[in-house]
Amino acid sequence: MRVRHGSLLLLLASGIASVLAGCGTSGESATGGSAGVGGTGASGGAGGAAGTGGTGGTGGTGASNRCSDVFCGDDPDVRCDLADGMCKCGGPRGVVCDFGEACEIDPVAGPTCLADHCSFVMCWGEAVCDPVDGLCKCGGSDGIVCAAGQRCELEPTPACVSDRCEFVVCENGHACDPTDGECKCGDVACGAAEVCVEGACEVPDPCGGACASNTVCNPEDRLCHCGDSKGPICNAFQDCVVTGEGPACVGT
């Protein structure tokens, strides 16, 4: 019985040793597997680094698109800066002008933002706004300021002319006086029942200028009378003749 028990113990010890040996080998393989996984991780790290590099490239593309939808106005001296997408006086690395300021490139100081007094100024005619003082001037910033009722005309030389007659329509021979915008005959305004004839106010001919030679229009009946307004009325086939005996209609 002791021999059998000893043999059994030897068999158990041998089995345990084999199991432990197998576990050791398995452990080494697992360790190797870990190394393999570790290697894969390294590759993944390298891949991640490459991915990060790719993201960096995308970042560069994003920087170039910061100005794609930016409008900096009509001033050619104001341009968008790709670094931040801001409109700057003088372009990239320039200065950002505030609202109500204008960009000016000073030959000494470089890009400068000055107060823009013309932001809300509208000039009439050919006058332009001077950004220094915000006044509308005829002939540029060194030109003249036209008074009320005047407009700027650049030809033949910059000058302020009256515009009081711009929308005035005169009738009955009258002409508009540019000094006051009134319709006048010469230097005066004719009465309501008068017309202007060669610079003089006259009562209009009620006969419409239809009276022939030696006949006079009678304003009461608006007919042409021979000799004077009380003379006889000649028909279409008669002529008015004025003799020492008075006016007479001759003919049939």
Foldseek 3Di string as FASTA:
>chain_A
DVVVVVVVVVVVVVVVVVVVVVVVVVVVVVVVVVVVVVVVVVVVVVVVVVVVVVVVVVVVVQLQCLQVPDDDDDDPQWDAASRHRATARNYHPHHHEDPQWDWDQDPPPGTDTHGQLQPPDDAPDPWDADRVHRATAFPPPPHHGEDPQWHWDPPPHTDTFGCLQVPPDDDQAWDADSVHRDTPQQPHREDPQWHRDNSDTDRDQLLNPPADPQWDAQVVVRATAHNDNPHHGEDPQWDWDQDPVGIDTDGD
